[in-house]
Amino acid sequence: MMQQVTLIGFGAIGQALYARLASYPGIRISHIVVPKSHALEAGSAMNALNAGVVNLCTQVPLEAGLLVECAGHSAIKEHVLPALTRGTEAAILSIGALCDASLLRQLSDAAQIGGTQVHLLSGAIGGVDAIAAARIAGLDSVTYVGRKPPSGWRGTPAEQVLDLGQLAVPSVIMEGSAREAALHYPKNANVAATIALAGLGLDATRVCLIADPTVKENIHQVEAKGAFGEMSLSLRGKPLADNPKTSALTVLSALRFLHNRAAWVTI
């Protein structure tokens, strides 16, 4: 059976998914949801990608199939919650929004009302399956260290903490809980929030954010200990070859999720 997909958002991630899913058997993007103010731009991008006929709309249609959110935090409240209550299944990439405990409860309640599920995608980090599995037997500690070049922290509160243009050595921007990291650095919160929600939660997961002039890539490091043993993960994230503003793994994690919805064998 063909899996019909509605994309919420058509920025770098949405466009990358749109282009790549054109050749995926069993999956079809039927609708793309964007604000009215972005409709002309989205239409031009769709034409440039030339991936087929898709309905462009400002609201999730009642007949929508599986939703994939890649529009940012506000789209969860505006589009995902109402769709879940109607019984439309959804997958979310903007996990950092869930540092708001009330929003996480709202998602759970909406899915229960609609008799469906909401999936939190792993995005730019790996090892989420291992952390979530280890949680079942009990975790003692989970630590996440996010390391980016100074330019990656521009436009964030890090500019009030450090002189990003003059850094010569790696420097700590903040240390605290995953919830604190998500609240103060919402544009950089998705990985920390994902690790936290898979494991010990937003308040017990420790986070360290670093501006490092010696690196050119975004580096994610995760340490976890518990009844299962110990885990250490280091991941150097590269951008998409055709869109340097977007993490390649973020897009690939959504593609894997959708592939598994249409495949006979999944892993």
C-alpha atoms as a PDB file:
ATOM      1  CA  MET A   1       0.000   0.000   0.000  1.00  0.00           C
ATOM      2  CA  MET A   2       1.253   3.471  -0.868  1.00  0.00           C
ATOM      3  CA  GLN A   3       2.158   5.522   2.228  1.00  0.00           C
ATOM      4  CA  GLN A   4       0.780   9.041   1.816  1.00  0.00           C
ATOM      5  CA  VAL A   5       2.898  11.673   3.600  1.00  0.00           C
ATOM      6  CA  THR A   6       2.111  15.273   4.498  1.00  0.00           C
ATOM      7  CA  LEU A   7       5.143  17.471   5.145  1.00  0.00           C
ATOM      8  CA  ILE A   8       4.789  20.345   7.575  1.00  0.00           C
ATOM      9  CA  GLY A   9       7.380  22.902   6.526  1.00  0.00           C
ATOM     10  CA  PHE A  10       9.377  23.322   3.352  1.00  0.00           C
ATOM     11  CA  GLY A  11      12.707  24.764   4.373  1.00  0.00           C
ATOM     12  CA  ALA A  12      16.046  23.033   3.911  1.00  0.00           C
ATOM     13  CA  ILE A  13      14.928  19.769   5.538  1.00  0.00           C
ATOM     14  CA  GLY A  14      11.538  19.673   3.835  1.00  0.00           C
ATOM     15  CA  GLN A  15      13.047  20.319   0.417  1.00  0.00           C
ATOM     16  CA  ALA A  16      15.708  17.640   0.929  1.00  0.00           C
ATOM     17  CA  LEU A  17      13.038  15.102   1.894  1.00  0.00           C
ATOM     18  CA  TYR A  18      10.843  16.122  -1.042  1.00  0.00           C
ATOM     19  CA  ALA A  19      13.685  15.645  -3.516  1.00  0.00           C
ATOM     20  CA  ARG A  20      14.821  12.297  -2.135  1.00  0.00           C
ATOM     21  CA  LEU A  21      11.396  10.743  -1.626  1.00  0.00           C
ATOM     22  CA  ALA A  22      10.547  11.154  -5.306  1.00  0.00           C
ATOM     23  CA  SER A  23      12.490   7.951  -5.979  1.00  0.00           C
ATOM     24  CA  TYR A  24      11.325   5.998  -2.897  1.00  0.00           C
ATOM     25  CA  PRO A  25       8.914   3.170  -3.787  1.00  0.00           C
ATOM     26  CA  GLY A  26       5.819   2.970  -1.630  1.00  0.00           C
ATOM     27  CA  ILE A  27       6.027   6.558  -0.352  1.00  0.00           C
ATOM     28  CA  ARG A  28       4.351   9.634  -1.816  1.00  0.00           C
ATOM     29  CA  ILE A  29       4.271  13.207  -0.516  1.00  0.00           C
ATOM     30  CA  SER A  30       0.669  14.251  -1.071  1.00  0.00           C
ATOM     31  CA  HIS A  31       0.600  17.623   0.737  1.00  0.00           C
ATOM     32  CA  ILE A  32       3.039  20.268   1.917  1.00  0.00           C
ATOM     33  CA  VAL A  33       1.889  22.666   4.640  1.00  0.00           C
ATOM     34  CA  VAL A  34       3.445  26.146   4.749  1.00  0.00           C
ATOM     35  CA  PRO A  35       2.277  29.570   5.982  1.00  0.00           C
ATOM     36  CA  LYS A  36       0.477  31.686   3.391  1.00  0.00           C
ATOM     37  CA  SER A  37       3.377  34.144   3.443  1.00  0.00           C
ATOM     38  CA  HIS A  38       5.747  31.370   2.287  1.00  0.00           C
ATOM     39  CA  ALA A  39       3.493  29.803  -0.340  1.00  0.00           C
ATOM     40  CA  LEU A  40       5.027  31.558  -3.353  1.00  0.00           C
ATOM     41  CA  GLU A  41       8.560  30.703  -2.250  1.00  0.00           C
ATOM     42  CA  ALA A  42       7.581  27.087  -1.570  1.00  0.00           C
ATOM     43  CA  GLY A  43       5.929  26.787  -4.972  1.00  0.00           C
ATOM     44  CA  SER A  44       9.056  28.047  -6.700  1.00  0.00           C
ATOM     45  CA  ALA A  45      11.211  25.582  -4.743  1.00  0.00           C
ATOM     46  CA  MET A  46       8.895  22.706  -5.694  1.00  0.00           C
ATOM     47  CA  ASN A  47       9.108  23.634  -9.367  1.00  0.00           C
ATOM     48  CA  ALA A  48      12.897  23.830  -9.188  1.00  0.00           C
ATOM     49  CA  LEU A  49      13.078  20.355  -7.622  1.00  0.00           C
ATOM     50  CA  ASN A  50      10.677  18.959 -10.238  1.00  0.00           C
ATOM     51  CA  ALA A  51       9.624  15.988  -8.101  1.00  0.00           C
ATOM     52  CA  GLY A  52       6.003  15.686  -9.122  1.00  0.00           C
ATOM     53  CA  VAL A  53       2.587  17.150  -8.346  1.00  0.00           C
ATOM     54  CA  VAL A  54       1.939  17.936  -4.670  1.00  0.00           C
ATOM     55  CA  ASN A  55      -0.860  19.887  -2.986  1.00  0.00           C
ATOM     56  CA  LEU A  56       0.408  23.065  -1.313  1.00  0.00           C
ATOM     57  CA  CYS A  57      -1.762  24.190   1.605  1.00  0.00           C
ATOM     58  CA  THR A  58      -1.735  26.346   4.750  1.00  0.00           C
ATOM     59  CA  GLN A  59      -3.440  23.801   7.051  1.00  0.00           C
ATOM     60  CA  VAL A  60      -3.189  20.043   7.440  1.00  0.00           C
ATOM     61  CA  PRO A  61      -6.035  18.606   5.338  1.00  0.00           C
ATOM     62  CA  LEU A  62      -8.549  16.306   6.991  1.00  0.00           C
ATOM     63  CA  GLU A  63      -7.599  13.470   4.635  1.00  0.00           C
ATOM     64  CA  ALA A  64      -3.869  13.791   5.348  1.00  0.00           C
ATOM     65  CA  GLY A  65      -1.846  10.640   5.765  1.00  0.00           C
ATOM     66  CA  LEU A  66       1.207  10.391   7.988  1.00  0.00           C
ATOM     67  CA  LEU A  67       2.551  13.814   9.054  1.00  0.00           C
ATOM     68  CA  VAL A  68       6.260  14.632   9.134  1.00  0.00           C
ATOM     69  CA  GLU A  69       7.030  17.891  10.954  1.00  0.00           C
ATOM     70  CA  CYS A  70      10.144  19.764   9.855  1.00  0.00           C
ATOM     71  CA  ALA A  71       8.985  23.350  10.358  1.00  0.00           C
ATOM     72  CA  GLY A  72      10.138  24.328  13.844  1.00  0.00           C
ATOM     73  CA  HIS A  73       8.627  24.457  17.294  1.00  0.00           C
ATOM     74  CA  SER A  74       5.511  26.553  16.622  1.00  0.00           C
ATOM     75  CA  ALA A  75       4.272  24.075  14.002  1.00  0.00           C
ATOM     76  CA  ILE A  76       3.789  21.409  16.666  1.00  0.00           C
ATOM     77  CA  LYS A  77       1.109  23.427  18.421  1.00  0.00           C
ATOM     78  CA  GLU A  78      -0.447  24.847  15.285  1.00  0.00           C
ATOM     79  CA  HIS A  79      -0.573  21.731  13.124  1.00  0.00           C
ATOM     80  CA  VAL A  80       0.516  18.518  14.868  1.00  0.00           C
ATOM     81  CA  LEU A  81      -1.690  18.663  17.969  1.00  0.00           C
ATOM     82  CA  PRO A  82      -4.998  19.185  16.089  1.00  0.00           C
ATOM     83  CA  ALA A  83      -4.089  16.481  13.564  1.00  0.00           C
ATOM     84  CA  LEU A  84      -3.303  13.961  16.318  1.00  0.00           C
ATOM     85  CA  THR A  85      -6.683  14.517  17.969  1.00  0.00           C
ATOM     86  CA  ARG A  86      -8.300  13.658  14.614  1.00  0.00           C
ATOM     87  CA  GLY A  87      -6.351  10.388  14.514  1.00  0.00           C
ATOM     88  CA  THR A  88      -3.569  11.394  12.098  1.00  0.00           C
ATOM     89  CA  GLU A  89      -0.228   9.781  12.946  1.00  0.00           C
ATOM     90  CA  ALA A  90       2.752  12.152  13.135  1.00  0.00           C
ATOM     91  CA  ALA A  91       6.553  12.193  13.291  1.00  0.00           C
ATOM     92  CA  ILE A  92       8.450  15.143  14.786  1.00  0.00           C
ATOM     93  CA  LEU A  93      11.953  16.460  14.122  1.00  0.00           C
ATOM     94  CA  SER A  94      11.754  19.594  16.326  1.00  0.00           C
ATOM     95  CA  ILE A  95      12.346  17.638  19.537  1.00  0.00           C
ATOM     96  CA  GLY A  96      13.805  20.669  21.355  1.00  0.00           C
ATOM     97  CA  ALA A  97      10.283  22.068  21.664  1.00  0.00           C
ATOM     98  CA  LEU A  98       9.504  19.290  24.121  1.00  0.00           C
ATOM     99  CA  CYS A  99      11.620  20.880  26.848  1.00  0.00           C
ATOM    100  CA  ASP A 100       8.213  22.398  27.596  1.00  0.00           C
ATOM    101  CA  ALA A 101       6.766  19.597  29.724  1.00  0.00           C
ATOM    102  CA  SER A 102       3.217  20.784  29.070  1.00  0.00           C
ATOM    103  CA  LEU A 103       3.705  20.389  25.314  1.00  0.00           C
ATOM    104  CA  LEU A 104       4.937  16.814  25.750  1.00  0.00           C
ATOM    105  CA  ARG A 105       1.814  16.052  27.816  1.00  0.00           C
ATOM    106  CA  GLN A 106      -0.367  17.699  25.169  1.00  0.00           C
ATOM    107  CA  LEU A 107       1.145  15.502  22.464  1.00  0.00           C
ATOM    108  CA  SER A 108       0.546  12.386  24.531  1.00  0.00           C
ATOM    109  CA  ASP A 109      -3.035  13.408  25.325  1.00  0.00           C
ATOM    110  CA  ALA A 110      -3.793  14.330  21.705  1.00  0.00           C
ATOM    111  CA  ALA A 111      -2.469  11.005  20.418  1.00  0.00           C
ATOM    112  CA  GLN A 112      -4.531   9.149  23.020  1.00  0.00           C
ATOM    113  CA  ILE A 113      -7.679  11.068  22.060  1.00  0.00           C
ATOM    114  CA  GLY A 114      -7.085  10.334  18.392  1.00  0.00           C
ATOM    115  CA  GLY A 115      -6.117   6.719  18.976  1.00  0.00           C
ATOM    116  CA  THR A 116      -2.820   7.185  17.133  1.00  0.00           C
ATOM    117  CA  GLN A 117       0.906   7.701  17.784  1.00  0.00           C
ATOM    118  CA  VAL A 118       3.470  10.493  17.612  1.00  0.00           C
ATOM    119  CA  HIS A 119       7.057   9.493  16.803  1.00  0.00           C
ATOM    120  CA  LEU A 120      10.070  11.499  17.994  1.00  0.00           C
ATOM    121  CA  LEU A 121      12.756  11.097  15.328  1.00  0.00           C
ATOM    122  CA  SER A 122      16.437  10.777  16.253  1.00  0.00           C
ATOM    123  CA  GLY A 123      17.532  13.599  13.939  1.00  0.00           C
ATOM    124  CA  ALA A 124      21.208  14.546  14.034  1.00  0.00           C
ATOM    125  CA  ILE A 125      22.313  12.057  16.718  1.00  0.00           C
ATOM    126  CA  GLY A 126      22.787   8.281  16.862  1.00  0.00           C
ATOM    127  CA  GLY A 127      22.603   5.735  19.660  1.00  0.00           C
ATOM    128  CA  VAL A 128      19.064   6.713  20.668  1.00  0.00           C
ATOM    129  CA  ASP A 129      17.869   3.111  20.375  1.00  0.00           C
ATOM    130  CA  ALA A 130      20.619   1.908  22.748  1.00  0.00           C
ATOM    131  CA  ILE A 131      19.864   4.596  25.339  1.00  0.00           C
ATOM    132  CA  ALA A 132      16.130   3.910  25.204  1.00  0.00           C
ATOM    133  CA  ALA A 133      16.766   0.163  25.563  1.00  0.00           C
ATOM    134  CA  ALA A 134      19.195   0.695  28.454  1.00  0.00           C
ATOM    135  CA  ARG A 135      16.594   2.822  30.260  1.00  0.00           C
ATOM    136  CA  ILE A 136      14.426  -0.270  30.687  1.00  0.00           C
ATOM    137  CA  ALA A 137      16.982  -1.880  33.032  1.00  0.00           C
ATOM    138  CA  GLY A 138      17.942   1.450  34.631  1.00  0.00           C
ATOM    139  CA  LEU A 139      20.341   4.273  33.776  1.00  0.00           C
ATOM    140  CA  ASP A 140      22.686   5.869  36.292  1.00  0.00           C
ATOM    141  CA  SER A 141      23.927   8.802  34.215  1.00  0.00           C
ATOM    142  CA  VAL A 142      23.708  10.299  30.730  1.00  0.00           C
ATOM    143  CA  THR A 143      25.907  13.176  29.585  1.00  0.00           C
ATOM    144  CA  TYR A 144      25.827  15.047  26.297  1.00  0.00           C
ATOM    145  CA  VAL A 145      28.608  17.344  25.043  1.00  0.00           C
ATOM    146  CA  GLY A 146      27.852  19.504  22.010  1.00  0.00           C
ATOM    147  CA  ARG A 147      30.857  21.052  20.287  1.00  0.00           C
ATOM    148  CA  LYS A 148      30.620  23.511  17.375  1.00  0.00           C
ATOM    149  CA  PRO A 149      32.921  26.041  15.721  1.00  0.00           C
ATOM    150  CA  PRO A 150      32.374  29.570  17.105  1.00  0.00           C
ATOM    151  CA  SER A 151      30.411  30.590  14.003  1.00  0.00           C
ATOM    152  CA  GLY A 152      27.864  27.891  14.843  1.00  0.00           C
ATOM    153  CA  TRP A 153      26.943  29.758  18.021  1.00  0.00           C
ATOM    154  CA  ARG A 154      26.337  33.165  16.465  1.00  0.00           C
ATOM    155  CA  GLY A 155      22.879  34.526  17.068  1.00  0.00           C
ATOM    156  CA  THR A 156      22.611  32.697  20.416  1.00  0.00           C
ATOM    157  CA  PRO A 157      23.189  33.745  24.063  1.00  0.00           C
ATOM    158  CA  ALA A 158      26.757  32.441  23.641  1.00  0.00           C
ATOM    159  CA  GLU A 159      27.609  35.878  22.221  1.00  0.00           C
ATOM    160  CA  GLN A 160      27.022  37.343  25.692  1.00  0.00           C
ATOM    161  CA  VAL A 161      29.180  34.666  27.337  1.00  0.00           C
ATOM    162  CA  LEU A 162      32.207  34.619  25.009  1.00  0.00           C
ATOM    163  CA  ASP A 163      33.869  36.764  22.375  1.00  0.00           C
ATOM    164  CA  LEU A 164      33.250  34.250  19.599  1.00  0.00           C
ATOM    165  CA  GLY A 165      35.391  36.129  17.093  1.00  0.00           C
ATOM    166  CA  GLN A 166      38.484  36.011  19.272  1.00  0.00           C
ATOM    167  CA  LEU A 167      38.435  32.450  20.619  1.00  0.00           C
ATOM    168  CA  ALA A 168      41.768  30.639  20.369  1.00  0.00           C
ATOM    169  CA  VAL A 169      40.961  27.559  22.476  1.00  0.00           C
ATOM    170  CA  PRO A 170      37.834  25.458  23.118  1.00  0.00           C
ATOM    171  CA  SER A 171      35.611  27.280  25.617  1.00  0.00           C
ATOM    172  CA  VAL A 172      32.556  26.164  27.583  1.00  0.00           C
ATOM    173  CA  ILE A 173      29.407  28.125  26.844  1.00  0.00           C
ATOM    174  CA  MET A 174      27.213  26.469  29.444  1.00  0.00           C
ATOM    175  CA  GLU A 175      26.892  23.439  31.677  1.00  0.00           C
ATOM    176  CA  GLY A 176      23.601  22.328  33.111  1.00  0.00           C
ATOM    177  CA  SER A 177      20.594  20.132  32.474  1.00  0.00           C
ATOM    178  CA  ALA A 178      19.168  19.285  29.082  1.00  0.00           C
ATOM    179  CA  ARG A 179      16.127  21.380  29.964  1.00  0.00           C
ATOM    180  CA  GLU A 180      18.311  24.430  30.670  1.00  0.00           C
ATOM    181  CA  ALA A 181      20.208  23.898  27.425  1.00  0.00           C
ATOM    182  CA  ALA A 182      16.971  23.663  25.458  1.00  0.00           C
ATOM    183  CA  LEU A 183      15.505  26.775  27.071  1.00  0.00           C
ATOM    184  CA  HIS A 184      18.582  28.955  26.553  1.00  0.00           C
ATOM    185  CA  TYR A 185      19.669  27.533  23.187  1.00  0.00           C
ATOM    186  CA  PRO A 186      16.426  26.471  21.473  1.00  0.00           C
ATOM    187  CA  LYS A 187      17.964  26.455  17.970  1.00  0.00           C
ATOM    188  CA  ASN A 188      20.633  24.018  19.207  1.00  0.00           C
ATOM    189  CA  ALA A 189      18.389  21.993  21.524  1.00  0.00           C
ATOM    190  CA  ASN A 190      17.162  19.100  19.405  1.00  0.00           C
ATOM    191  CA  VAL A 191      20.051  16.696  20.048  1.00  0.00           C
ATOM    192  CA  ALA A 192      20.232  17.298  23.807  1.00  0.00           C
ATOM    193  CA  ALA A 193      16.453  16.971  24.124  1.00  0.00           C
ATOM    194  CA  THR A 194      16.394  13.759  22.076  1.00  0.00           C
ATOM    195  CA  ILE A 195      19.077  12.134  24.227  1.00  0.00           C
ATOM    196  CA  ALA A 196      17.255  13.245  27.369  1.00  0.00           C
ATOM    197  CA  LEU A 197      13.824  12.005  26.322  1.00  0.00           C
ATOM    198  CA  ALA A 198      15.292   8.634  25.322  1.00  0.00           C
ATOM    199  CA  GLY A 199      17.048   8.258  28.669  1.00  0.00           C
ATOM    200  CA  LEU A 200      16.944   9.974  32.056  1.00  0.00           C
ATOM    201  CA  GLY A 201      14.736  12.917  31.163  1.00  0.00           C
ATOM    202  CA  LEU A 202      15.406  16.600  30.653  1.00  0.00           C
ATOM    203  CA  ASP A 203      16.336  17.443  34.251  1.00  0.00           C
ATOM    204  CA  ALA A 204      18.673  14.518  35.017  1.00  0.00           C
ATOM    205  CA  THR A 205      20.573  14.551  31.707  1.00  0.00           C
ATOM    206  CA  ARG A 206      23.738  16.656  31.948  1.00  0.00           C
ATOM    207  CA  VAL A 207      24.760  18.894  29.055  1.00  0.00           C
ATOM    208  CA  CYS A 208      27.935  20.797  28.207  1.00  0.00           C
ATOM    209  CA  LEU A 209      28.013  23.146  25.208  1.00  0.00           C
ATOM    210  CA  ILE A 210      31.388  24.180  23.773  1.00  0.00           C
ATOM    211  CA  ALA A 211      32.572  26.692  21.190  1.00  0.00           C
ATOM    212  CA  ASP A 212      35.683  25.181  19.631  1.00  0.00           C
ATOM    213  CA  PRO A 213      37.797  27.123  17.086  1.00  0.00           C
ATOM    214  CA  THR A 214      39.801  23.967  16.297  1.00  0.00           C
ATOM    215  CA  VAL A 215      36.870  22.149  14.627  1.00  0.00           C
ATOM    216  CA  LYS A 216      34.852  22.748  11.474  1.00  0.00           C
ATOM    217  CA  GLU A 217      32.076  20.226  12.088  1.00  0.00           C
ATOM    218  CA  ASN A 218      29.381  19.845  14.727  1.00  0.00           C
ATOM    219  CA  ILE A 219      30.562  17.175  17.161  1.00  0.00           C
ATOM    220  CA  HIS A 220      28.177  15.264  19.420  1.00  0.00           C
ATOM    221  CA  GLN A 221      29.476  13.167  22.318  1.00  0.00           C
ATOM    222  CA  VAL A 222      27.282  10.993  24.530  1.00  0.00           C
ATOM    223  CA  GLU A 223      28.263   9.011  27.628  1.00  0.00           C
ATOM    224  CA  ALA A 224      25.782   6.696  29.342  1.00  0.00           C
ATOM    225  CA  LYS A 225      26.140   4.326  32.300  1.00  0.00           C
ATOM    226  CA  GLY A 226      23.667   1.944  33.863  1.00  0.00           C
ATOM    227  CA  ALA A 227      22.729  -1.656  34.563  1.00  0.00           C
ATOM    228  CA  PHE A 228      23.429  -2.482  30.895  1.00  0.00           C
ATOM    229  CA  GLY A 229      27.075  -1.376  31.181  1.00  0.00           C
ATOM    230  CA  GLU A 230      28.620   1.733  29.634  1.00  0.00           C
ATOM    231  CA  MET A 231      28.242   3.476  26.293  1.00  0.00           C
ATOM    232  CA  SER A 232      30.393   6.117  24.603  1.00  0.00           C
ATOM    233  CA  LEU A 233      29.416   7.724  21.305  1.00  0.00           C
ATOM    234  CA  SER A 234      31.177  10.413  19.283  1.00  0.00           C
ATOM    235  CA  LEU A 235      29.595  11.678  16.082  1.00  0.00           C
ATOM    236  CA  ARG A 236      30.944  14.316  13.690  1.00  0.00           C
ATOM    237  CA  GLY A 237      27.962  15.601  11.780  1.00  0.00           C
ATOM    238  CA  LYS A 238      28.354  16.725   8.180  1.00  0.00           C
ATOM    239  CA  PRO A 239      25.859  18.918   6.321  1.00  0.00           C
ATOM    240  CA  LEU A 240      23.967  17.826   3.248  1.00  0.00           C
ATOM    241  CA  ALA A 241      26.161  18.077   0.173  1.00  0.00           C
ATOM    242  CA  ASP A 242      23.534  20.202  -1.578  1.00  0.00           C
ATOM    243  CA  ASN A 243      22.467  22.252   1.462  1.00  0.00           C
ATOM    244  CA  PRO A 244      25.182  23.126   4.005  1.00  0.00           C
ATOM    245  CA  LYS A 245      22.670  24.609   6.451  1.00  0.00           C
ATOM    246  CA  THR A 246      21.132  21.208   7.116  1.00  0.00           C
ATOM    247  CA  SER A 247      22.521  18.206   8.987  1.00  0.00           C
ATOM    248  CA  ALA A 248      22.707  15.251   6.649  1.00  0.00           C
ATOM    249  CA  LEU A 249      21.779  12.817   9.408  1.00  0.00           C
ATOM    250  CA  THR A 250      18.653  14.777  10.341  1.00  0.00           C
ATOM    251  CA  VAL A 251      17.267  14.283   6.858  1.00  0.00           C
ATOM    252  CA  LEU A 252      18.469  10.686   6.711  1.00  0.00           C
ATOM    253  CA  SER A 253      16.770   9.843  10.013  1.00  0.00           C
ATOM    254  CA  ALA A 254      13.433  10.985   8.568  1.00  0.00           C
ATOM    255  CA  LEU A 255      14.088   9.024   5.368  1.00  0.00           C
ATOM    256  CA  ARG A 256      14.850   5.895   7.387  1.00  0.00           C
ATOM    257  CA  PHE A 257      11.617   6.296   9.359  1.00  0.00           C
ATOM    258  CA  LEU A 258       9.582   6.665   6.164  1.00  0.00           C
ATOM    259  CA  HIS A 259      11.430   3.828   4.449  1.00  0.00           C
ATOM    260  CA  ASN A 260      10.520   1.565   7.361  1.00  0.00           C
ATOM    261  CA  ARG A 261       6.855   2.470   6.929  1.00  0.00           C
ATOM    262  CA  ALA A 262       6.906   1.091   3.391  1.00  0.00           C
ATOM    263  CA  ALA A 263       9.457  -1.742   3.671  1.00  0.00           C
ATOM    264  CA  TRP A 264       8.658  -5.413   4.258  1.00  0.00           C
ATOM    265  CA  VAL A 265      11.680  -5.814   6.528  1.00  0.00           C
ATOM    266  CA  THR A 266      12.762  -3.022   8.882  1.00  0.00           C
ATOM    267  CA  ILE A 267      15.741  -2.391  11.163  1.00  0.00           C
END
